[in-house]
């Protein structure tokens, strides 16, 4: 059996590609069901954020990785050749390690960001609702969420609530030295918009305008930060008065196009307009940046500010890496014990079959006994079987925790004349050697 994560993120693919392989929250249930319907996919969880799209899967063999790539191509309507060179693939314990690093926030564009843990929870919840995560991935993601919490509790990796929203505001502040007296138009009233609004007001922006497709959400967010709600249909008019436009919607297509900005720029009479687009897919058409007096920063352009923040947290990253290492080892031990389940089941089934056949033969010879006496014989023989199985079962569980577990369990099967039947829970993730073969990029 094969545990793998296949995906791309901000370190391997530009935003132009990431947005093509992005899945909205509303699409996640269908995506899980569609992928889980493939014969080779025993379990799956899909994680999609502004900076990554990853498929965690449990399949019969490494060859089934192609099934996942084919599904990605089909679901996103993107030729595999366009994105496959940007993918990373990590198998076995490397896949476990990758998830734990992601949940801890040390694989994020912004180190220690709080949002990623919530996104991991949401991905697992969507997989559970779609019945695509069972024993293995269910246990893996539950422990991954626990690791993320532990990292933030036991280290300072999450100190300061640094986020993409705060980076965006930092870029806006650097444009004008300070935001005091500046007007900012915030497009999008979701979680990211809320975080951005918090940083805007803390930075002294004199006017915060909020636009959202659902106008009531814009009103609610604007009221919380003493801002002003703008009808979504009035975006172009709002851009005339704004100094900076920050966008963070979940739209599948750009909501601000060249013609809209061109009209606004004519009314601005030469005043420059700055956009900070932190949405994936992007909210602003790429050719808007070509207009005179218009400057567009997308999420990949925020890297310099992010790297400066990362330097401050390097010591905390080392602490989190140690937590991840210990948690991976713990999960591997826990998972390997699952390898013992089919062997124990086969052993008990064989002994029970022998007991049943012998008691049936005995019952034919002891027809003079009462029903109560026969039941007493049945209970006694069952107890004998349980006692006989007890020590071998303990030893089998111990064997399953060893590095050579497969050979030891095969020996048990030969000794008792039983055959292991492969199940999704049977074999541990691929070996260290196998797990390294698929890595195209370092974590």
Protein backbone atom coordinates (compact mmCIF):
# COMPACT_ATOMS: atom_id res chain seq x y z
CA UNK A 1 0.00 0.00 0.00
CA UNK A 2 1.12 3.53 -0.78
CA UNK A 3 0.64 6.81 1.12
CA UNK A 4 1.45 9.89 -0.93
CA UNK A 5 0.96 13.65 -1.17
CA UNK A 6 1.09 15.22 -4.62
CA UNK A 7 0.77 18.95 -5.06
CA UNK A 8 2.24 22.35 -5.79
CA UNK A 9 2.72 25.45 -3.68
CA UNK A 10 4.22 28.93 -3.62
CA UNK A 11 7.77 27.53 -3.74
CA UNK A 12 7.25 25.37 -6.82
CA UNK A 13 4.67 27.17 -8.98
CA UNK A 14 3.84 30.79 -9.86
CA UNK A 15 0.45 32.27 -9.01
CA UNK A 16 -0.52 32.09 -12.70
CA UNK A 17 -0.51 28.29 -12.40
CA UNK A 18 -1.69 27.96 -8.80
CA UNK A 19 -4.88 29.81 -9.60
CA UNK A 20 -5.70 27.30 -12.34
CA UNK A 21 -5.49 24.45 -9.82
CA UNK A 22 -7.32 26.18 -6.99
CA UNK A 23 -10.47 24.69 -5.43
CA UNK A 24 -13.03 26.85 -3.66
CA UNK A 25 -14.66 25.72 -0.42
CA UNK A 26 -17.87 25.09 -2.32
CA UNK A 27 -16.12 22.75 -4.76
CA UNK A 28 -14.32 20.67 -2.12
CA UNK A 29 -17.13 18.14 -1.45
CA UNK A 30 -17.53 17.34 -5.15
CA UNK A 31 -13.75 17.19 -5.60
CA UNK A 32 -13.39 14.64 -2.79
CA UNK A 33 -16.24 12.49 -4.09
CA UNK A 34 -14.93 12.62 -7.64
CA UNK A 35 -11.39 11.62 -6.67
CA UNK A 36 -12.57 8.94 -4.23
CA UNK A 37 -14.64 7.36 -7.01
CA UNK A 38 -11.46 6.33 -8.82
CA UNK A 39 -10.81 2.62 -8.29
CA UNK A 40 -7.18 3.11 -7.26
CA UNK A 41 -7.96 5.72 -4.60
CA UNK A 42 -8.73 4.04 -1.28
CA UNK A 43 -8.71 7.29 0.74
CA UNK A 44 -8.08 10.94 -0.10
CA UNK A 45 -7.99 14.43 1.41
CA UNK A 46 -7.61 17.56 -0.74
CA UNK A 47 -6.06 20.71 0.73
CA UNK A 48 -6.44 23.89 -1.35
CA UNK A 49 -5.40 27.37 -0.15
CA UNK A 50 -4.17 30.56 -1.80
CA UNK A 51 -0.65 29.15 -1.76
CA UNK A 52 -1.07 25.41 -2.32
CA UNK A 53 -3.16 22.63 -3.76
CA UNK A 54 -2.31 19.17 -2.42
CA UNK A 55 -3.84 15.72 -2.74
CA UNK A 56 -3.17 13.26 0.09
CA UNK A 57 -4.04 9.76 -1.04
CA UNK A 58 -3.82 6.14 0.02
CA UNK A 59 -3.55 3.81 -2.97
CA UNK A 60 -2.52 0.22 -3.72
CA UNK A 61 0.82 1.16 -5.30
CA UNK A 62 3.15 3.95 -6.39
CA UNK A 63 2.03 3.45 -9.97
CA UNK A 64 -1.35 4.89 -8.95
CA UNK A 65 0.22 8.35 -8.63
CA UNK A 66 -0.61 8.71 -12.32
CA UNK A 67 -4.29 8.28 -11.48
CA UNK A 68 -4.10 11.31 -9.18
CA UNK A 69 -2.33 13.42 -11.81
CA UNK A 70 -4.88 12.39 -14.42
CA UNK A 71 -7.67 13.34 -12.03
CA UNK A 72 -6.11 16.76 -11.44
CA UNK A 73 -5.91 17.33 -15.18
CA UNK A 74 -9.53 16.29 -15.65
CA UNK A 75 -10.99 18.14 -12.67
CA UNK A 76 -9.19 21.43 -13.38
CA UNK A 77 -9.38 21.10 -17.17
CA UNK A 78 -5.65 21.73 -17.43
CA UNK A 79 -3.33 19.51 -19.52
CA UNK A 80 -1.06 17.48 -17.24
CA UNK A 81 1.98 18.69 -19.14
CA UNK A 82 1.24 22.26 -18.05
CA UNK A 83 1.49 21.57 -14.32
CA UNK A 84 3.31 18.25 -13.84
CA UNK A 85 6.82 19.81 -13.94
CA UNK A 86 5.80 22.00 -10.97
CA UNK A 87 4.48 19.15 -8.80
CA UNK A 88 6.18 17.62 -5.79
CA UNK A 89 5.47 14.08 -4.65
CA UNK A 90 6.30 12.74 -1.21
CA UNK A 91 5.54 9.20 -0.13
CA UNK A 92 5.49 7.21 3.07
CA UNK A 93 6.89 8.91 6.15
CA UNK A 94 7.86 11.93 4.01
CA UNK A 95 4.16 12.49 3.26
CA UNK A 96 3.38 12.33 6.99
CA UNK A 97 6.19 14.78 7.74
CA UNK A 98 4.95 17.14 5.02
CA UNK A 99 1.43 17.34 6.45
CA UNK A 100 2.75 17.96 9.96
CA UNK A 101 4.97 20.78 8.67
CA UNK A 102 2.06 22.31 6.78
CA UNK A 103 -0.26 22.17 9.80
CA UNK A 104 2.48 23.70 11.98
CA UNK A 105 2.81 26.69 9.68
CA UNK A 106 6.48 26.16 8.79
CA UNK A 107 5.74 25.24 5.18
CA UNK A 108 3.65 28.39 4.65
CA UNK A 109 4.65 31.47 2.71
CA UNK A 110 4.21 33.35 6.00
CA UNK A 111 5.88 31.33 8.76
CA UNK A 112 3.55 30.45 11.59
CA UNK A 113 0.40 31.82 9.97
CA UNK A 114 -2.71 30.84 11.90
CA UNK A 115 -5.00 30.40 8.87
CA UNK A 116 -3.37 27.21 7.58
CA UNK A 117 -4.40 25.13 10.60
CA UNK A 118 -8.02 26.10 10.06
CA UNK A 119 -7.66 25.22 6.37
CA UNK A 120 -6.27 21.78 7.25
CA UNK A 121 -9.26 21.25 9.57
CA UNK A 122 -11.65 22.30 6.80
CA UNK A 123 -10.01 19.94 4.31
CA UNK A 124 -10.35 17.03 6.74
CA UNK A 125 -13.97 17.95 7.51
CA UNK A 126 -14.78 18.03 3.78
CA UNK A 127 -13.13 14.63 3.27
CA UNK A 128 -15.02 13.18 6.24
CA UNK A 129 -18.33 14.53 4.91
CA UNK A 130 -17.56 12.97 1.52
CA UNK A 131 -16.55 9.66 3.19
CA UNK A 132 -13.14 9.79 1.50
CA UNK A 133 -11.01 9.72 4.68
CA UNK A 134 -11.06 6.57 6.80
CA UNK A 135 -8.66 4.76 9.14
CA UNK A 136 -5.34 5.95 7.72
CA UNK A 137 -5.96 9.50 6.52
CA UNK A 138 -8.49 10.10 9.29
CA UNK A 139 -5.87 9.26 11.90
CA UNK A 140 -3.17 11.15 9.99
CA UNK A 141 -5.12 14.40 9.75
CA UNK A 142 -6.34 14.20 13.33
CA UNK A 143 -2.75 13.92 14.49
CA UNK A 144 -1.68 16.61 12.01
CA UNK A 145 -4.17 19.04 13.55
CA UNK A 146 -2.88 18.10 16.99
CA UNK A 147 0.71 18.75 15.84
CA UNK A 148 -0.29 22.18 14.53
CA UNK A 149 -1.80 23.09 17.89
CA UNK A 150 1.21 21.76 19.77
CA UNK A 151 3.62 23.77 17.62
CA UNK A 152 1.78 26.98 18.40
CA UNK A 153 1.47 26.16 22.10
CA UNK A 154 5.03 25.01 22.77
CA UNK A 155 6.90 27.47 20.53
CA UNK A 156 6.64 31.10 19.46
CA UNK A 157 6.11 30.22 15.79
CA UNK A 158 2.67 31.86 15.83
CA UNK A 159 3.68 34.93 17.83
CA UNK A 160 2.53 38.26 16.41
CA UNK A 161 -0.34 36.93 14.29
CA UNK A 162 1.67 37.58 11.10
CA UNK A 163 -0.41 36.81 8.02
CA UNK A 164 -0.79 37.46 4.31
CA UNK A 165 -3.18 40.26 5.30
CA UNK A 166 -0.59 41.93 7.48
CA UNK A 167 2.04 41.58 4.73
CA UNK A 168 -0.36 43.20 2.25
CA UNK A 169 -0.89 46.14 4.60
CA UNK A 170 2.87 46.34 5.13
CA UNK A 171 3.35 46.69 1.37
CA UNK A 172 0.63 49.35 1.26
CA UNK A 173 2.31 51.21 4.09
CA UNK A 174 5.68 51.09 2.33
CA UNK A 175 4.18 52.67 -0.77
CA UNK A 176 3.20 55.84 1.09
CA UNK A 177 5.56 55.60 4.10
CA UNK A 178 2.43 55.58 6.26
CA UNK A 179 -1.29 55.06 5.75
CA UNK A 180 -2.43 57.96 7.86
CA UNK A 181 -4.67 60.15 5.73
CA UNK A 182 -4.90 57.51 2.97
CA UNK A 183 -8.05 55.88 1.64
CA UNK A 184 -8.03 52.11 1.19
CA UNK A 185 -10.62 50.11 -0.71
CA UNK A 186 -10.89 46.55 0.60
CA UNK A 187 -12.58 44.16 -1.84
CA UNK A 188 -13.70 40.97 -0.09
CA UNK A 189 -15.23 40.60 3.38
CA UNK A 190 -14.17 37.05 4.19
CA UNK A 191 -11.66 35.90 6.80
CA UNK A 192 -8.70 37.33 4.89
CA UNK A 193 -10.55 40.62 4.40
CA UNK A 194 -11.28 40.78 8.12
CA UNK A 195 -7.62 40.24 9.01
CA UNK A 196 -6.56 42.84 6.48
CA UNK A 197 -9.05 45.36 7.85
CA UNK A 198 -7.64 44.81 11.35
CA UNK A 199 -4.14 45.69 10.17
CA UNK A 200 -5.38 48.64 8.09
CA UNK A 201 -7.03 50.34 11.04
CA UNK A 202 -4.02 49.61 13.27
CA UNK A 203 -1.85 51.29 10.65
CA UNK A 204 -3.93 54.46 10.75
CA UNK A 205 -5.74 54.39 7.40
CA UNK A 206 -8.11 57.35 7.45
CA UNK A 207 -10.81 55.74 5.34
CA UNK A 208 -11.52 52.06 4.81
CA UNK A 209 -14.04 51.27 2.10
CA UNK A 210 -15.37 47.70 1.96
CA UNK A 211 -16.96 46.04 -1.08
CA UNK A 212 -18.33 42.51 -1.21
CA UNK A 213 -20.74 40.63 -3.47
CA UNK A 214 -22.96 40.04 -0.45
CA UNK A 215 -23.47 43.66 0.55
CA UNK A 216 -24.58 42.85 4.09
CA UNK A 217 -21.17 41.29 4.78
CA UNK A 218 -19.53 44.48 3.56
CA UNK A 219 -21.76 46.50 5.90
CA UNK A 220 -20.97 44.25 8.88
CA UNK A 221 -17.21 44.41 8.29
CA UNK A 222 -17.20 48.15 7.64
CA UNK A 223 -19.15 48.84 10.83
CA UNK A 224 -16.67 46.85 12.92
CA UNK A 225 -13.79 49.04 11.72
CA UNK A 226 -15.55 52.40 11.39
CA UNK A 227 -15.40 52.08 7.63
CA UNK A 228 -17.90 52.53 4.83
CA UNK A 229 -19.61 49.79 2.82
CA UNK A 230 -19.63 50.15 -0.98
CA UNK A 231 -22.04 48.42 -3.34
CA UNK A 232 -20.15 45.81 -5.35
CA UNK A 233 -21.56 47.32 -8.54
CA UNK A 234 -19.88 50.62 -7.59
CA UNK A 235 -16.32 49.26 -7.52
CA UNK A 236 -15.20 51.47 -10.39
CA UNK A 237 -16.50 54.63 -8.67
CA UNK A 238 -14.86 53.61 -5.39
CA UNK A 239 -11.50 53.23 -7.16
CA UNK A 240 -11.62 56.89 -8.19
CA UNK A 241 -11.24 58.07 -4.60
CA UNK A 242 -9.07 55.24 -3.18
CA UNK A 243 -5.30 55.42 -2.88
CA UNK A 244 -4.84 51.67 -2.51
CA UNK A 245 -7.09 48.75 -3.47
CA UNK A 246 -6.57 45.46 -1.62
CA UNK A 247 -8.46 42.46 -3.01
CA UNK A 248 -9.04 39.13 -1.28
CA UNK A 249 -12.19 37.53 -2.71
CA UNK A 250 -12.85 33.89 -3.52
CA UNK A 251 -13.95 34.63 -7.07
CA UNK A 252 -13.07 32.07 -9.73
CA UNK A 253 -12.42 34.80 -12.32
CA UNK A 254 -10.93 38.33 -12.13
CA UNK A 255 -13.42 40.90 -10.84
CA UNK A 256 -11.38 43.96 -11.84
CA UNK A 257 -10.52 44.26 -15.52
CA UNK A 258 -8.53 46.64 -17.67
CA UNK A 259 -11.48 48.69 -18.90
CA UNK A 260 -12.77 49.25 -15.37
CA UNK A 261 -9.40 50.54 -14.16
CA UNK A 262 -8.82 52.59 -17.32
CA UNK A 263 -12.10 54.44 -16.76
CA UNK A 264 -11.23 55.04 -13.11
CA UNK A 265 -7.78 56.37 -14.04
CA UNK A 266 -9.27 58.93 -16.43
CA UNK A 267 -11.37 60.29 -13.58
CA UNK A 268 -8.36 60.32 -11.23
CA UNK A 269 -6.58 62.84 -13.50
CA UNK A 270 -3.16 61.25 -13.33
CA UNK A 271 -3.12 60.24 -9.67
CA UNK A 272 -1.43 56.80 -9.37
CA UNK A 273 -3.43 53.82 -8.15
CA UNK A 274 -1.93 50.89 -6.27
CA UNK A 275 -3.42 47.38 -6.14
CA UNK A 276 -2.43 44.61 -3.75
CA UNK A 277 -4.07 41.37 -4.93
CA UNK A 278 -3.75 38.60 -2.33
CA UNK A 279 -6.40 36.35 -3.86
CA UNK A 280 -5.81 33.04 -5.64
CA UNK A 281 -7.23 32.87 -8.25
CA UNK A 282 -6.27 36.50 -8.81
CA UNK A 283 -8.93 39.21 -8.58
CA UNK A 284 -7.20 41.57 -11.00
CA UNK A 285 -6.54 40.89 -14.68
CA UNK A 286 -2.83 40.60 -15.45
CA UNK A 287 -2.85 43.36 -18.10
CA UNK A 288 -4.11 45.96 -15.58
CA UNK A 289 -0.49 46.33 -14.47
CA UNK A 290 0.40 47.60 -17.96
CA UNK A 291 -1.70 50.76 -17.60
CA UNK A 292 0.11 54.04 -16.97
CA UNK A 293 0.05 55.10 -13.33
CA UNK A 294 -1.21 51.71 -12.15
CA UNK A 295 0.90 49.41 -9.96
CA UNK A 296 -0.24 45.87 -9.15
CA UNK A 297 1.31 43.65 -6.50
CA UNK A 298 0.13 40.02 -6.40
CA UNK A 299 0.69 37.46 -3.68
CA UNK A 300 4.04 36.38 -5.11
CA UNK A 301 5.29 39.96 -5.00
CA UNK A 302 5.04 39.95 -1.19
CA UNK A 303 7.99 37.58 -0.87
CA UNK A 304 10.56 40.16 0.32
CA UNK A 305 8.45 41.13 3.34
CA UNK A 306 7.82 37.48 4.09
CA UNK A 307 11.55 36.61 3.99
CA UNK A 308 12.35 39.41 6.45
CA UNK A 309 9.76 37.97 8.81
CA UNK A 310 11.17 34.45 8.37
CA UNK A 311 14.63 35.51 9.59
CA UNK A 312 13.13 36.51 12.93
CA UNK A 313 11.58 33.07 13.43
CA UNK A 314 14.33 30.71 12.36
CA UNK A 315 15.00 29.56 15.94
CA UNK A 316 11.31 28.77 16.38
CA UNK A 317 11.30 26.76 13.14
CA UNK A 318 13.99 24.48 14.57
CA UNK A 319 11.85 23.87 17.64
CA UNK A 320 8.84 23.04 15.48
CA UNK A 321 10.95 20.72 13.30
CA UNK A 322 11.83 18.72 16.42
CA UNK A 323 8.15 18.44 17.37
CA UNK A 324 7.38 17.26 13.85
CA UNK A 325 10.16 14.66 13.98
CA UNK A 326 8.86 13.20 17.23
CA UNK A 327 5.25 13.21 16.03
CA UNK A 328 6.16 11.47 12.76
CA UNK A 329 7.92 8.71 14.71
CA UNK A 330 4.89 8.36 16.98
CA UNK A 331 2.50 8.13 14.04
CA UNK A 332 4.66 5.53 12.30
CA UNK A 333 4.57 3.31 15.41
CA UNK A 334 0.82 3.75 15.70
CA UNK A 335 0.30 3.04 12.04
CA UNK A 336 2.53 -0.01 11.93
CA UNK A 337 0.40 -1.66 14.60
CA UNK A 338 -2.42 -1.58 12.04
CA UNK A 339 -0.32 -4.04 10.04
CA UNK A 340 -0.96 -6.58 12.77
CA UNK A 341 -4.75 -6.40 12.45
CA UNK A 342 -5.22 -8.72 9.43
CA UNK A 343 -2.75 -11.25 10.88
CA UNK A 344 -4.50 -11.30 14.25
CA UNK A 345 -7.87 -11.55 12.54
CA UNK A 346 -6.69 -14.46 10.39
CA UNK A 347 -5.21 -16.22 13.42
CA UNK A 348 -8.37 -15.83 15.50
CA UNK A 349 -10.52 -16.89 12.57
CA UNK A 350 -8.48 -20.07 12.05
CA UNK A 351 -8.57 -21.03 15.75
CA UNK A 352 -12.27 -20.21 15.96
CA UNK A 353 -12.97 -22.33 12.89
CA UNK A 354 -11.14 -25.28 14.49
CA UNK A 355 -13.03 -24.76 17.77
CA UNK A 356 -16.37 -24.55 15.98
CA UNK A 357 -15.82 -27.69 13.96
CA UNK A 358 -14.69 -29.69 16.98
CA UNK A 359 -17.56 -28.53 19.21
CA UNK A 360 -20.03 -29.35 16.43
CA UNK A 361 -18.67 -32.90 16.24
CA UNK A 362 -18.73 -33.16 20.02
CA UNK A 363 -22.33 -31.94 20.17
CA UNK A 364 -23.42 -34.80 17.91
CA UNK A 365 -21.93 -37.30 20.40
CA UNK A 366 -23.32 -35.55 23.49
CA UNK A 367 -26.96 -35.18 22.53
CA UNK A 368 -27.98 -36.40 25.95
CA UNK A 369 -26.64 -33.20 27.54
CA UNK A 370 -28.93 -30.30 28.30
CA UNK A 371 -28.84 -27.03 26.37
CA UNK A 372 -27.22 -25.38 29.40
CA UNK A 373 -24.43 -27.99 29.49
CA UNK A 374 -23.77 -27.60 25.78
CA UNK A 375 -23.58 -23.83 26.16
CA UNK A 376 -21.12 -24.29 29.03
CA UNK A 377 -18.90 -26.40 26.73
CA UNK A 378 -19.18 -23.70 24.05
CA UNK A 379 -18.13 -20.95 26.47
CA UNK A 380 -15.28 -23.04 27.89
CA UNK A 381 -13.80 -23.86 24.47
CA UNK A 382 -14.10 -20.22 23.44
CA UNK A 383 -12.21 -19.20 26.57
CA UNK A 384 -9.50 -21.75 25.78
CA UNK A 385 -9.08 -20.26 22.28
CA UNK A 386 -8.85 -16.75 23.71
CA UNK A 387 -6.14 -17.84 26.14
CA UNK A 388 -4.19 -19.62 23.42
CA UNK A 389 -4.39 -16.55 21.15
CA UNK A 390 -3.46 -14.03 23.83
CA UNK A 391 0.35 -14.41 23.81
CA UNK A 392 0.70 -14.74 20.01
CA UNK A 393 -1.46 -11.63 19.56
CA UNK A 394 0.79 -9.58 21.84
CA UNK A 395 3.85 -10.81 19.97
CA UNK A 396 2.28 -10.05 16.58
CA UNK A 397 1.58 -6.46 17.66
CA UNK A 398 5.19 -6.16 18.80
CA UNK A 399 6.47 -7.54 15.48
CA UNK A 400 4.39 -4.94 13.63
CA UNK A 401 6.37 -2.13 15.28
CA UNK A 402 9.74 -3.39 13.99
CA UNK A 403 11.50 -2.17 10.85
CA UNK A 404 11.44 -5.75 9.50
CA UNK A 405 7.75 -6.15 10.39
CA UNK A 406 6.77 -7.56 7.01
CA UNK A 407 9.26 -10.45 7.27
CA UNK A 408 8.28 -11.20 10.88
CA UNK A 409 4.56 -11.20 10.11
CA UNK A 410 5.12 -13.43 7.08
CA UNK A 411 6.93 -15.85 9.40
CA UNK A 412 3.89 -15.88 11.74
CA UNK A 413 1.62 -16.57 8.79
CA UNK A 414 3.80 -19.47 7.67
CA UNK A 415 3.99 -20.84 11.21
CA UNK A 416 0.22 -20.93 11.72
CA UNK A 417 -0.70 -21.64 8.11
CA UNK A 418 -2.67 -18.43 7.62
CA UNK A 419 -2.63 -15.95 4.76
CA UNK A 420 -2.59 -12.21 5.12
CA UNK A 421 -5.23 -10.48 3.02
CA UNK A 422 -4.16 -6.96 2.02
CA UNK A 423 -6.45 -4.22 3.22
CA UNK A 424 -6.17 -0.41 3.06
CA UNK A 425 -4.88 -0.51 6.62
CA UNK A 426 -2.48 -3.42 6.24
CA UNK A 427 0.94 -2.21 5.15
CA UNK A 428 2.84 0.76 6.56
CA UNK A 429 3.66 3.69 4.26
CA UNK A 430 6.44 3.15 1.77
CA UNK A 431 9.98 2.84 3.01
CA UNK A 432 12.38 5.70 3.48
CA UNK A 433 14.11 4.82 0.24
CA UNK A 434 10.86 4.80 -1.73
CA UNK A 435 9.61 7.99 -0.14
CA UNK A 436 12.66 9.92 -1.27
CA UNK A 437 12.34 8.90 -4.91
CA UNK A 438 9.34 11.12 -5.54
CA UNK A 439 10.71 14.34 -4.05
CA UNK A 440 11.22 17.00 -6.70
CA UNK A 441 11.57 19.96 -4.32
CA UNK A 442 12.73 20.18 -0.70
CA UNK A 443 10.10 20.90 1.93
